[in-house]
Amino acid sequence: MMEMDKLVALCKRRGYLFQSSEIYGGLNGFWDYGPLGVELKRNVKEAWWRDMVTGHNELITSPGAPTTHQMVGLDCSIIMHPQVWKCSGHYDLFHDFMVDCRVSKKRYRHDQVRGRWVEAKGRKIFVSSQTGGEEGLKETESRALKFFNLRAKQADELSWCSDLVSLTTVADFTEVLGPDANETGTLTAPREFNLMFKTFVGALSGEEGAAFLRPETAQGIFVNFKNVCDSTRVKLPFGIAQVGKSFRNEITPRNFTFRSREFEQMEIEFFCKPSESPDWYKYWRDRRYAWYLSLGLSSSRLQLRDHHADELSHYSCGTADIEYAFPFLPPGEFGELEGIAHRGDFDLRSHMEGKLARKDGELAVELGEDGKPRHKGSGKDLRYFDDQARERFVPHVIEPSAGADRGTLAFLCEAYHEDVVEGDTRVVLKLHPRLAPVKAAILPLVNKDGMPEVAQKLYAELKGELAVQYDDGGAIGRRYRRQDEIGTPFCITVDGQTKEDSTVTLRDRDSLEQVRVPLAGVLDILRGKLKPSC
């Protein structure tokens, strides 16, 4: 498996990703995309938008389900009315539990601290770690030896009482050795931490002007459901898509861009008849999994995992995660790329009636101590009118929600390779051609004999349609290596033979195959190789 620090170094060296505010020491949980990174992420988003929204041509053939559907888009504001987040449940429920260390002054997410129980010298303690797998086992052993003042050769004096388990399984922290502590009992009791970023709108700085940066893009779609229905000709089943920034004040952002405080989502809210929703849920679950495979993620590192009953949200009729085996995770563990959720009619009903909760097995408006709705809904009728059946109902919703940053990171991890070519190590990003920031590089073999002029003319022709680079600096082999490292799938070399027969050399990044192609046909050849296949 690729070492993560090598990819991080390449991303900075070649202009994919930089630490935000780096010259001031950086800001944890925030990242800047460099010249190549912004193109890669933009290509990921454009491939998603084209394949899911503007260019989709997929049919669902399950019994009883319709065969066509429409897709439209939105771009909603980041700051919305505070009541949106109260009715959606984020205001009350969107939090993690955190623990603090009284000695180190560090803060941890309760469920991300792991550890195992060990006994030595007549005392039993819980030795914690923030890593899992083999690395977590080694760390806890090293910390236990240090705590009990033992040497490595005395490791057999440690009696391990459990495997690595979550700190959430520990009721009493008295005998817990915190992740950065040298003594036990330094961790505070878990307490709630709301993940929404608070801000203030207008000149008012008190609670009357309080608002929040959105923690997800979905709610903008739900509150605009009626507007979309009234202003367009869409009919059920249809989807509304949105790509945009979201913000979550994560307690411990980590693992490069995998868990950040500012990130970008690619979400679809797909509205359908309740009776057809199980078929559409299966459709979107399978469709989204196939999309990642079509753009180069390996099936051996990608999995589609259905949630267990105890994982489901209280309103969910079914949820599946698309997960990837990121190299920073312990062997055998996967990180979430995307969730596909069958949300029933929860969201539209909540914005109609008020915040919903499950009572006696059914969803009902949550009441306060005064017997009135705890968070009042808009009172607007968000039902859909079926003009053929002549009936009104609240549609069910299927939500494929993907992270643009996590997807970009997964494609980078998958693409990183080190090949040995003629005794030399070649670093190459084997990005899918649709995603590669630079599609082709135009290289004159030498800067004489008319080669630069031909190469510059070809560059100008391709530049109008494709992201290409012109590179004439250094030996041709060095230029090839440079393009390999940034992920350019094709190099086109203008050489001495070009003047004789109007052909150029087309070099493939992955196979290293070089073939002669007509100079006049280069654009058409590249179009064919870059054509979407999803």
Protein backbone atom coordinates (compact mmCIF):
# COMPACT_ATOMS: atom_id res chain seq x y z
CA MET A 1 0.00 0.00 0.00
CA MET A 2 1.19 3.50 -0.84
CA GLU A 3 2.63 5.50 2.05
CA MET A 4 0.45 8.53 2.72
CA ASP A 5 3.32 10.90 3.43
CA LYS A 6 4.61 10.38 -0.13
CA LEU A 7 1.28 11.48 -1.61
CA VAL A 8 1.08 14.49 0.72
CA ALA A 9 4.59 15.53 -0.33
CA LEU A 10 3.74 15.15 -4.02
CA CYS A 11 0.55 17.19 -3.59
CA LYS A 12 2.51 20.12 -2.21
CA ARG A 13 5.48 19.77 -4.59
CA ARG A 14 3.32 19.69 -7.72
CA GLY A 15 0.60 22.12 -6.66
CA TYR A 16 -2.33 19.89 -5.80
CA LEU A 17 -2.94 20.83 -2.16
CA PHE A 18 -1.50 23.27 0.37
CA GLN A 19 -2.15 23.79 4.07
CA SER A 20 -4.43 26.81 4.47
CA SER A 21 -2.66 29.94 5.77
CA GLU A 22 0.62 28.02 5.75
CA ILE A 23 2.86 31.09 6.07
CA TYR A 24 1.20 31.76 9.46
CA GLY A 25 1.57 28.20 10.65
CA GLY A 26 -1.59 26.85 9.05
CA LEU A 27 -5.14 26.38 10.32
CA ASN A 28 -6.12 22.85 11.27
CA GLY A 29 -8.98 21.41 9.24
CA PHE A 30 -8.69 23.78 6.27
CA TRP A 31 -6.94 23.17 2.94
CA ASP A 32 -6.22 25.14 -0.23
CA TYR A 33 -6.28 23.53 -3.67
CA GLY A 34 -3.34 24.54 -5.85
CA PRO A 35 -3.29 25.04 -9.64
CA LEU A 36 -3.47 21.30 -10.41
CA GLY A 37 -5.66 20.44 -7.44
CA VAL A 38 -8.36 22.90 -8.35
CA GLU A 39 -8.52 21.40 -11.85
CA LEU A 40 -8.71 17.83 -10.50
CA LYS A 41 -11.48 18.65 -8.04
CA ARG A 42 -13.32 20.63 -10.71
CA ASN A 43 -13.10 17.63 -13.04
CA VAL A 44 -14.50 15.36 -10.32
CA LYS A 45 -17.46 17.69 -9.81
CA GLU A 46 -18.03 18.14 -13.55
CA ALA A 47 -17.92 14.38 -14.15
CA TRP A 48 -20.47 13.92 -11.36
CA TRP A 49 -22.73 16.68 -12.72
CA ARG A 50 -22.56 15.45 -16.27
CA ASP A 51 -23.08 11.77 -15.44
CA MET A 52 -25.80 12.30 -12.82
CA VAL A 53 -27.59 15.44 -14.03
CA THR A 54 -27.11 16.79 -17.55
CA GLY A 55 -25.96 13.67 -19.39
CA HIS A 56 -27.73 10.86 -17.54
CA ASN A 57 -29.43 8.31 -19.74
CA GLU A 58 -30.01 5.47 -17.34
CA LEU A 59 -33.23 3.48 -17.13
CA ILE A 60 -34.57 1.62 -14.14
CA THR A 61 -36.19 -1.67 -15.06
CA SER A 62 -37.36 -3.00 -11.73
CA PRO A 63 -40.94 -4.30 -11.76
CA GLY A 64 -43.49 -1.57 -11.15
CA ALA A 65 -41.00 1.29 -11.37
CA PRO A 66 -41.00 4.01 -14.07
CA THR A 67 -38.38 3.87 -16.79
CA THR A 68 -37.39 7.54 -17.04
CA HIS A 69 -36.57 10.38 -14.69
CA GLN A 70 -35.63 14.04 -14.88
CA MET A 71 -32.74 15.83 -13.17
CA VAL A 72 -32.37 19.55 -12.42
CA GLY A 73 -29.96 21.61 -10.32
CA LEU A 74 -29.86 24.29 -7.63
CA ASP A 75 -27.25 26.54 -6.05
CA CYS A 76 -28.54 27.59 -2.63
CA SER A 77 -27.13 30.09 -0.15
CA ILE A 78 -24.73 28.98 2.56
CA ILE A 79 -26.55 30.91 5.30
CA MET A 80 -30.24 30.06 5.67
CA HIS A 81 -33.03 30.96 8.08
CA PRO A 82 -32.21 29.48 11.54
CA GLN A 83 -35.60 27.76 11.61
CA VAL A 84 -34.42 25.52 8.76
CA TRP A 85 -31.88 23.89 11.10
CA LYS A 86 -34.36 23.60 13.95
CA CYS A 87 -36.93 21.75 11.85
CA SER A 88 -34.28 19.57 10.19
CA GLY A 89 -33.04 18.44 13.61
CA HIS A 90 -29.51 19.84 13.25
CA TYR A 91 -30.03 22.49 15.93
CA ASP A 92 -30.80 19.84 18.57
CA LEU A 93 -29.03 16.74 17.34
CA PHE A 94 -26.06 17.71 15.16
CA HIS A 95 -23.31 17.16 17.68
CA ASP A 96 -20.49 14.84 18.68
CA PHE A 97 -19.31 14.03 22.17
CA MET A 98 -15.90 15.28 23.20
CA VAL A 99 -13.55 14.70 26.12
CA ASP A 100 -10.79 17.00 27.33
CA CYS A 101 -7.50 16.17 29.03
CA ARG A 102 -6.96 18.32 32.12
CA VAL A 103 -3.16 17.94 31.87
CA SER A 104 -2.33 18.16 28.14
CA LYS A 105 -5.26 20.55 27.47
CA LYS A 106 -6.02 18.58 24.31
CA ARG A 107 -9.50 17.69 23.11
CA TYR A 108 -10.65 14.42 21.57
CA ARG A 109 -13.77 13.04 19.96
CA HIS A 110 -15.14 10.49 22.40
CA ASP A 111 -15.80 7.80 19.77
CA GLN A 112 -12.41 8.21 18.06
CA VAL A 113 -10.32 7.31 21.10
CA ARG A 114 -9.55 3.60 21.28
CA GLY A 115 -7.59 1.51 23.71
CA ARG A 116 -7.33 -1.75 25.58
CA TRP A 117 -7.34 -2.87 29.18
CA VAL A 118 -4.07 -4.13 30.63
CA GLU A 119 -3.04 -5.36 34.06
CA ALA A 120 0.43 -5.24 35.63
CA LYS A 121 1.92 -4.86 39.10
CA GLY A 122 -1.50 -5.39 40.67
CA ARG A 123 -3.18 -2.54 38.78
CA LYS A 124 -5.56 -2.54 35.82
CA ILE A 125 -5.75 0.48 33.49
CA PHE A 126 -7.20 1.41 30.08
CA VAL A 127 -4.38 2.52 27.75
CA SER A 128 -5.79 4.73 25.00
CA SER A 129 -4.69 5.44 21.45
CA GLN A 130 -6.03 7.41 18.50
CA THR A 131 -5.06 4.77 15.97
CA GLY A 132 -6.35 1.30 15.25
CA GLY A 133 -5.11 -1.98 13.87
CA GLU A 134 -1.49 -3.12 14.32
CA GLU A 135 -0.30 0.44 14.88
CA GLY A 136 -2.76 0.89 17.74
CA LEU A 137 -1.63 -2.36 19.36
CA LYS A 138 2.02 -1.30 19.21
CA GLU A 139 1.26 2.15 20.59
CA THR A 140 -0.75 0.84 23.54
CA GLU A 141 1.97 -1.68 24.39
CA SER A 142 4.67 0.99 24.29
CA ARG A 143 2.61 3.33 26.49
CA ALA A 144 1.76 0.55 28.96
CA LEU A 145 5.44 -0.38 29.34
CA LYS A 146 6.32 3.24 30.00
CA PHE A 147 3.46 3.70 32.49
CA PHE A 148 4.44 0.62 34.53
CA ASN A 149 8.15 1.45 34.21
CA LEU A 150 8.95 -1.76 32.37
CA ARG A 151 11.45 -2.47 29.60
CA ALA A 152 10.59 -3.98 26.25
CA LYS A 153 12.05 -7.35 27.33
CA GLN A 154 9.54 -7.34 30.20
CA ALA A 155 6.51 -7.11 27.90
CA ASP A 156 5.35 -10.55 29.06
CA GLU A 157 4.58 -9.00 32.46
CA LEU A 158 1.71 -7.10 30.81
CA SER A 159 -1.56 -9.02 30.99
CA TRP A 160 -3.89 -7.75 28.27
CA CYS A 161 -7.55 -8.00 29.23
CA SER A 162 -9.17 -6.87 25.95
CA ASP A 163 -8.66 -6.12 22.29
CA LEU A 164 -8.74 -2.53 21.03
CA VAL A 165 -12.14 -1.10 21.94
CA SER A 166 -13.71 2.36 21.82
CA LEU A 167 -13.53 4.67 24.81
CA THR A 168 -17.33 4.79 24.58
CA THR A 169 -17.36 1.33 26.21
CA VAL A 170 -15.66 2.69 29.34
CA ALA A 171 -17.99 3.99 32.05
CA ASP A 172 -15.47 5.25 34.59
CA PHE A 173 -12.44 7.30 33.42
CA THR A 174 -10.57 7.00 36.72
CA GLU A 175 -8.22 4.33 35.38
CA VAL A 176 -8.01 5.66 31.81
CA LEU A 177 -4.63 6.77 30.49
CA GLY A 178 -5.48 9.53 28.00
CA PRO A 179 -3.85 9.66 24.53
CA ASP A 180 -1.31 12.33 25.54
CA ALA A 181 -1.22 11.85 29.33
CA ASN A 182 1.35 10.25 31.61
CA GLU A 183 -1.11 9.53 34.41
CA THR A 184 -4.63 8.16 34.64
CA GLY A 185 -7.82 10.02 35.46
CA THR A 186 -7.05 13.16 33.43
CA LEU A 187 -9.98 12.92 30.98
CA THR A 188 -13.21 14.81 31.60
CA ALA A 189 -16.63 13.24 31.23
CA PRO A 190 -18.01 13.32 27.65
CA ARG A 191 -20.09 16.35 26.74
CA GLU A 192 -21.99 17.48 23.67
CA PHE A 193 -20.33 19.71 21.10
CA ASN A 194 -22.53 21.22 18.37
CA LEU A 195 -20.80 20.97 15.03
CA MET A 196 -22.46 23.96 13.35
CA PHE A 197 -20.48 27.18 12.82
CA LYS A 198 -22.37 30.07 14.36
CA THR A 199 -22.36 33.57 12.85
CA PHE A 200 -24.42 36.75 13.00
CA VAL A 201 -26.47 38.40 10.27
CA GLY A 202 -26.67 42.18 9.98
CA ALA A 203 -25.77 44.73 12.61
CA LEU A 204 -27.30 42.72 15.45
CA SER A 205 -24.75 40.74 17.45
CA GLY A 206 -27.11 39.09 19.94
CA GLU A 207 -29.10 35.89 19.61
CA GLU A 208 -31.72 37.69 17.51
CA GLY A 209 -29.14 37.97 14.73
CA ALA A 210 -27.68 34.48 15.13
CA ALA A 211 -27.42 32.20 12.10
CA PHE A 212 -25.36 29.21 11.03
CA LEU A 213 -23.13 28.21 8.14
CA ARG A 214 -24.85 25.22 6.61
CA PRO A 215 -23.57 21.82 7.76
CA GLU A 216 -24.99 20.17 4.61
CA THR A 217 -26.41 21.21 1.24
CA ALA A 218 -29.53 19.03 1.38
CA GLN A 219 -31.81 21.39 3.31
CA GLY A 220 -31.58 24.07 0.61
CA ILE A 221 -33.05 21.55 -1.80
CA PHE A 222 -35.90 20.58 0.51
CA VAL A 223 -37.01 24.14 1.24
CA ASN A 224 -36.98 24.89 -2.50
CA PHE A 225 -38.94 21.76 -3.48
CA LYS A 226 -42.16 23.70 -4.09
CA ASN A 227 -40.33 26.43 -6.02
CA VAL A 228 -38.80 23.88 -8.37
CA CYS A 229 -42.13 22.13 -8.96
CA ASP A 230 -43.93 25.44 -9.65
CA SER A 231 -41.25 26.98 -11.90
CA THR A 232 -40.33 23.99 -14.07
CA ARG A 233 -42.09 21.18 -15.91
CA VAL A 234 -40.58 18.40 -13.81
CA LYS A 235 -42.83 15.58 -12.76
CA LEU A 236 -42.22 12.71 -10.36
CA PRO A 237 -39.86 10.93 -10.34
CA PHE A 238 -37.20 13.63 -10.51
CA GLY A 239 -34.00 14.63 -8.78
CA ILE A 240 -32.60 17.98 -7.65
CA ALA A 241 -28.81 18.17 -7.48
CA GLN A 242 -26.48 20.61 -5.80
CA VAL A 243 -22.72 21.00 -5.45
CA GLY A 244 -21.53 23.37 -2.76
CA LYS A 245 -19.59 24.17 0.38
CA SER A 246 -20.59 22.93 3.81
CA PHE A 247 -19.05 23.58 7.20
CA ARG A 248 -18.72 21.41 10.29
CA ASN A 249 -16.72 22.42 13.33
CA GLU A 250 -15.05 19.03 13.71
CA ILE A 251 -13.47 18.39 17.10
CA THR A 252 -10.43 16.62 15.66
CA PRO A 253 -10.02 17.13 11.89
CA ARG A 254 -7.40 14.72 10.55
CA ASN A 255 -6.16 12.44 7.77
CA PHE A 256 -5.34 15.14 5.22
CA THR A 257 -8.57 16.27 3.50
CA PHE A 258 -10.61 13.28 4.67
CA ARG A 259 -12.04 15.09 7.69
CA SER A 260 -12.04 18.88 7.28
CA ARG A 261 -14.01 21.74 8.75
CA GLU A 262 -14.76 23.25 5.33
CA PHE A 263 -15.61 20.82 2.56
CA GLU A 264 -17.66 20.45 -0.59
CA GLN A 265 -20.59 18.13 -1.16
CA MET A 266 -22.24 16.70 -4.26
CA GLU A 267 -25.79 15.81 -3.29
CA ILE A 268 -28.95 14.62 -4.98
CA GLU A 269 -32.40 14.59 -3.44
CA PHE A 270 -34.45 12.25 -5.60
CA PHE A 271 -38.23 12.56 -5.16
CA CYS A 272 -40.52 9.67 -6.04
CA LYS A 273 -43.80 7.98 -5.18
CA PRO A 274 -43.67 6.08 -1.88
CA SER A 275 -44.58 2.79 -3.56
CA GLU A 276 -41.65 3.14 -6.00
CA SER A 277 -39.03 4.29 -3.48
CA PRO A 278 -37.49 0.85 -2.72
CA ASP A 279 -36.67 0.37 -6.41
CA TRP A 280 -35.19 3.84 -6.70
CA TYR A 281 -33.12 3.31 -3.56
CA LYS A 282 -31.57 0.19 -5.07
CA TYR A 283 -31.04 2.00 -8.38
CA TRP A 284 -29.14 4.93 -6.85
CA ARG A 285 -27.14 2.70 -4.53
CA ASP A 286 -25.88 0.56 -7.42
CA ARG A 287 -25.52 3.49 -9.83
CA ARG A 288 -23.31 5.48 -7.50
CA TYR A 289 -21.07 2.50 -6.71
CA ALA A 290 -20.58 1.87 -10.43
CA TRP A 291 -19.62 5.52 -10.99
CA TYR A 292 -16.52 5.28 -8.79
CA LEU A 293 -15.46 2.09 -10.53
CA SER A 294 -15.90 3.72 -13.95
CA LEU A 295 -13.45 6.47 -12.97
CA GLY A 296 -10.71 4.17 -11.82
CA LEU A 297 -11.21 3.14 -8.19
CA SER A 298 -10.32 -0.51 -7.70
CA SER A 299 -13.10 -2.89 -6.70
CA SER A 300 -10.65 -4.48 -4.23
CA ARG A 301 -10.46 -1.19 -2.31
CA LEU A 302 -14.08 -0.10 -2.73
CA GLN A 303 -17.08 -1.56 -0.97
CA LEU A 304 -20.83 -0.97 -0.77
CA ARG A 305 -21.94 -1.54 2.81
CA ASP A 306 -25.54 -1.60 3.99
CA HIS A 307 -26.10 -0.12 7.44
CA HIS A 308 -27.16 -2.40 10.23
CA ALA A 309 -30.49 -1.68 11.89
CA ASP A 310 -28.81 -0.09 14.92
CA GLU A 311 -26.87 2.32 12.66
CA LEU A 312 -29.91 3.74 10.89
CA SER A 313 -31.20 7.22 11.63
CA HIS A 314 -34.59 7.25 13.32
CA TYR A 315 -36.29 8.28 10.05
CA SER A 316 -34.29 6.10 7.65
CA CYS A 317 -35.87 3.31 5.63
CA GLY A 318 -32.44 2.11 4.55
CA THR A 319 -28.92 3.47 4.14
CA ALA A 320 -25.80 2.22 2.38
CA ASP A 321 -22.28 3.65 2.41
CA ILE A 322 -19.77 3.53 -0.41
CA GLU A 323 -16.43 3.14 1.35
CA TYR A 324 -12.78 3.17 0.26
CA ALA A 325 -9.71 1.59 1.86
CA PHE A 326 -7.69 4.78 2.34
CA PRO A 327 -3.98 4.13 3.01
CA PHE A 328 -4.05 6.09 6.29
CA LEU A 329 -6.54 3.60 7.76
CA PRO A 330 -5.51 0.32 9.40
CA PRO A 331 -5.56 -2.73 7.06
CA GLY A 332 -9.08 -4.00 6.56
CA GLU A 333 -10.76 -0.71 7.52
CA PHE A 334 -12.68 1.55 5.11
CA GLY A 335 -13.61 5.24 5.14
CA GLU A 336 -16.88 6.65 3.88
CA LEU A 337 -16.96 8.28 0.44
CA GLU A 338 -20.69 8.58 0.01
CA GLY A 339 -23.94 7.69 1.71
CA ILE A 340 -27.13 6.70 -0.09
CA ALA A 341 -30.12 7.09 2.20
CA HIS A 342 -33.80 6.27 1.83
CA ARG A 343 -35.15 9.18 3.89
CA GLY A 344 -38.86 8.48 3.43
CA ASP A 345 -40.98 11.63 3.73
CA PHE A 346 -39.15 12.89 6.83
CA ASP A 347 -37.61 16.07 5.40
CA LEU A 348 -40.53 17.59 3.53
CA ARG A 349 -42.90 16.74 6.38
CA SER A 350 -40.54 18.33 8.92
CA HIS A 351 -40.46 21.60 7.01
CA MET A 352 -44.26 21.50 6.70
CA GLU A 353 -45.22 20.49 10.22
CA GLY A 354 -42.21 21.03 12.48
CA LYS A 355 -39.39 18.93 13.90
CA LEU A 356 -40.30 15.25 13.80
CA ALA A 357 -39.39 12.49 16.23
CA ARG A 358 -40.25 8.82 16.45
CA LYS A 359 -43.06 8.01 18.90
CA ASP A 360 -44.61 4.57 19.30
CA GLY A 361 -42.82 3.46 16.14
CA GLU A 362 -44.18 6.33 14.04
CA LEU A 363 -42.84 9.75 13.12
CA ALA A 364 -44.72 12.57 14.78
CA VAL A 365 -44.18 16.26 15.52
CA GLU A 366 -42.02 16.65 18.61
CA LEU A 367 -43.81 18.57 21.35
CA GLY A 368 -42.36 20.77 24.08
CA GLU A 369 -43.37 20.89 27.74
CA ASP A 370 -46.21 23.26 26.86
CA GLY A 371 -47.72 20.69 24.48
CA LYS A 372 -46.93 22.81 21.42
CA PRO A 373 -44.55 21.87 18.58
CA ARG A 374 -41.02 22.27 19.86
CA HIS A 375 -39.83 23.74 16.57
CA LYS A 376 -42.63 24.99 14.38
CA GLY A 377 -42.61 24.20 10.66
CA SER A 378 -43.20 26.62 7.82
CA GLY A 379 -46.88 25.75 7.54
CA LYS A 380 -46.47 25.62 3.75
CA ASP A 381 -48.00 22.79 1.76
CA LEU A 382 -45.04 20.87 0.32
CA ARG A 383 -47.07 17.99 -1.01
CA TYR A 384 -46.82 16.99 -4.66
CA PHE A 385 -49.93 16.99 -6.87
CA ASP A 386 -50.14 14.08 -9.29
CA ASP A 387 -52.35 15.46 -12.06
CA GLN A 388 -52.92 12.02 -13.59
CA ALA A 389 -53.96 10.24 -10.40
CA ARG A 390 -55.54 13.47 -9.10
CA GLU A 391 -54.03 13.10 -5.64
CA ARG A 392 -51.68 14.99 -3.32
CA PHE A 393 -48.99 13.29 -1.24
CA VAL A 394 -45.61 13.90 0.34
CA PRO A 395 -42.99 12.25 -1.91
CA HIS A 396 -40.34 9.89 -0.57
CA VAL A 397 -36.72 10.94 -0.95
CA ILE A 398 -33.59 9.00 -1.92
CA GLU A 399 -30.41 10.91 -1.10
CA PRO A 400 -27.03 10.06 -2.67
CA SER A 401 -24.65 12.38 -0.78
CA ALA A 402 -21.00 12.40 -1.86
CA GLY A 403 -18.00 14.34 -0.63
CA ALA A 404 -16.14 16.10 -3.45
CA ASP A 405 -13.01 16.40 -1.31
CA ARG A 406 -13.09 12.79 -0.14
CA GLY A 407 -13.71 11.62 -3.69
CA THR A 408 -10.79 13.70 -4.96
CA LEU A 409 -8.58 12.27 -2.20
CA ALA A 410 -9.62 8.70 -3.05
CA PHE A 411 -8.81 9.22 -6.75
CA LEU A 412 -5.39 10.62 -5.78
CA CYS A 413 -4.67 7.69 -3.45
CA GLU A 414 -5.71 5.18 -6.10
CA ALA A 415 -3.65 6.95 -8.79
CA TYR A 416 -0.32 7.13 -6.95
CA HIS A 417 2.15 4.53 -8.23
CA GLU A 418 5.88 4.00 -8.20
CA ASP A 419 7.12 2.03 -11.21
CA VAL A 420 10.66 0.91 -11.97
CA VAL A 421 11.59 1.80 -15.56
CA GLU A 422 15.06 0.91 -16.83
CA GLY A 423 16.37 0.79 -13.28
CA ASP A 424 14.90 4.16 -12.28
CA THR A 425 11.88 4.72 -10.04
CA ARG A 426 9.10 6.53 -11.84
CA VAL A 427 6.44 8.31 -9.74
CA VAL A 428 3.21 8.45 -11.68
CA LEU A 429 -0.36 9.51 -10.97
CA LYS A 430 -2.52 7.15 -13.01
CA LEU A 431 -5.59 9.38 -12.91
CA HIS A 432 -8.51 8.55 -15.18
CA PRO A 433 -8.18 10.77 -18.31
CA ARG A 434 -11.52 12.47 -17.54
CA LEU A 435 -10.20 13.55 -14.15
CA ALA A 436 -6.60 14.40 -14.99
CA PRO A 437 -5.91 18.15 -14.59
CA VAL A 438 -3.83 18.20 -17.78
CA LYS A 439 -5.08 16.03 -20.61
CA ALA A 440 -2.03 16.21 -22.84
CA ALA A 441 1.42 17.79 -23.00
CA ILE A 442 2.85 19.12 -26.25
CA LEU A 443 6.62 18.61 -26.39
CA PRO A 444 9.04 19.67 -29.15
CA LEU A 445 11.91 17.17 -29.11
CA VAL A 446 14.46 19.97 -29.44
CA ASN A 447 14.15 23.75 -29.70
CA LYS A 448 15.26 24.01 -33.32
CA ASP A 449 14.61 22.81 -36.88
CA GLY A 450 11.07 24.22 -36.86
CA MET A 451 9.85 21.84 -34.13
CA PRO A 452 8.84 24.57 -31.64
CA GLU A 453 6.74 26.32 -34.27
CA VAL A 454 4.82 23.12 -35.14
CA ALA A 455 4.39 22.26 -31.47
CA GLN A 456 3.10 25.75 -30.60
CA LYS A 457 0.59 25.63 -33.45
CA LEU A 458 -0.70 22.23 -32.23
CA TYR A 459 -0.82 23.56 -28.67
CA ALA A 460 -2.95 26.52 -29.78
CA GLU A 461 -5.33 24.17 -31.63
CA LEU A 462 -5.81 21.87 -28.64
CA LYS A 463 -5.90 24.64 -26.03
CA GLY A 464 -9.25 25.90 -27.31
CA GLU A 465 -10.92 22.64 -26.28
CA LEU A 466 -8.70 20.74 -23.84
CA ALA A 467 -6.53 21.45 -20.81
CA VAL A 468 -3.05 21.03 -22.30
CA GLN A 469 0.49 22.15 -21.45
CA TYR A 470 3.39 23.22 -23.64
CA ASP A 471 6.74 22.10 -22.23
CA ASP A 472 10.10 22.64 -23.92
CA GLY A 473 12.41 22.76 -20.88
CA GLY A 474 14.99 20.01 -20.35
CA ALA A 475 15.65 16.60 -21.83
CA ILE A 476 12.65 14.78 -23.27
CA GLY A 477 12.92 11.97 -20.70
CA ARG A 478 12.84 14.45 -17.84
CA ARG A 479 9.79 16.14 -19.33
CA TYR A 480 8.03 12.78 -19.62
CA ARG A 481 8.72 12.09 -15.94
CA ARG A 482 7.39 15.51 -14.97
CA GLN A 483 4.13 14.91 -16.82
CA ASP A 484 3.84 11.39 -15.37
CA GLU A 485 4.11 12.80 -11.85
CA ILE A 486 1.27 15.30 -12.35
CA GLY A 487 -0.93 12.65 -13.99
CA THR A 488 -0.98 13.79 -17.64
CA PRO A 489 -2.33 10.77 -19.57
CA PHE A 490 -0.84 11.64 -22.99
CA CYS A 491 2.32 13.29 -24.28
CA ILE A 492 2.59 14.41 -27.90
CA THR A 493 6.11 14.85 -29.20
CA VAL A 494 7.00 16.83 -32.29
CA ASP A 495 10.27 15.45 -33.70
CA GLY A 496 12.35 15.30 -36.87
CA GLN A 497 9.96 12.91 -38.59
CA THR A 498 7.06 15.35 -38.16
CA LYS A 499 8.42 17.60 -40.90
CA GLU A 500 8.74 14.64 -43.27
CA ASP A 501 5.32 12.96 -42.93
CA SER A 502 3.21 15.25 -40.68
CA THR A 503 3.01 12.70 -37.86
CA VAL A 504 3.78 13.01 -34.17
CA THR A 505 4.49 10.55 -31.36
CA LEU A 506 1.60 9.87 -28.99
CA ARG A 507 2.88 8.46 -25.67
CA ASP A 508 0.56 6.72 -23.21
CA ARG A 509 1.33 7.47 -19.54
CA ASP A 510 0.33 4.08 -18.14
CA SER A 511 1.55 1.61 -20.78
CA LEU A 512 4.47 3.82 -21.97
CA GLU A 513 3.47 2.79 -25.50
CA GLN A 514 4.47 5.27 -28.21
CA VAL A 515 2.72 5.32 -31.58
CA ARG A 516 2.87 7.60 -34.61
CA VAL A 517 -0.37 9.42 -35.36
CA PRO A 518 -1.27 12.05 -37.98
CA LEU A 519 -0.69 15.60 -36.80
CA ALA A 520 -4.06 16.65 -38.21
CA GLY A 521 -5.88 13.89 -36.31
CA VAL A 522 -4.53 14.54 -32.81
CA LEU A 523 -7.60 16.44 -31.58
CA ASP A 524 -10.04 13.76 -32.75
CA ILE A 525 -7.91 11.01 -31.21
CA LEU A 526 -7.85 12.79 -27.84
CA ARG A 527 -11.59 13.43 -28.01
CA GLY A 528 -12.17 9.72 -28.40
CA LYS A 529 -9.91 8.81 -25.49
CA LEU A 530 -11.53 11.41 -23.20
CA LYS A 531 -15.14 10.61 -24.09
CA PRO A 532 -17.25 9.72 -21.03
CA SER A 533 -17.97 6.02 -20.76
CA CYS A 534 -20.15 6.15 -17.63
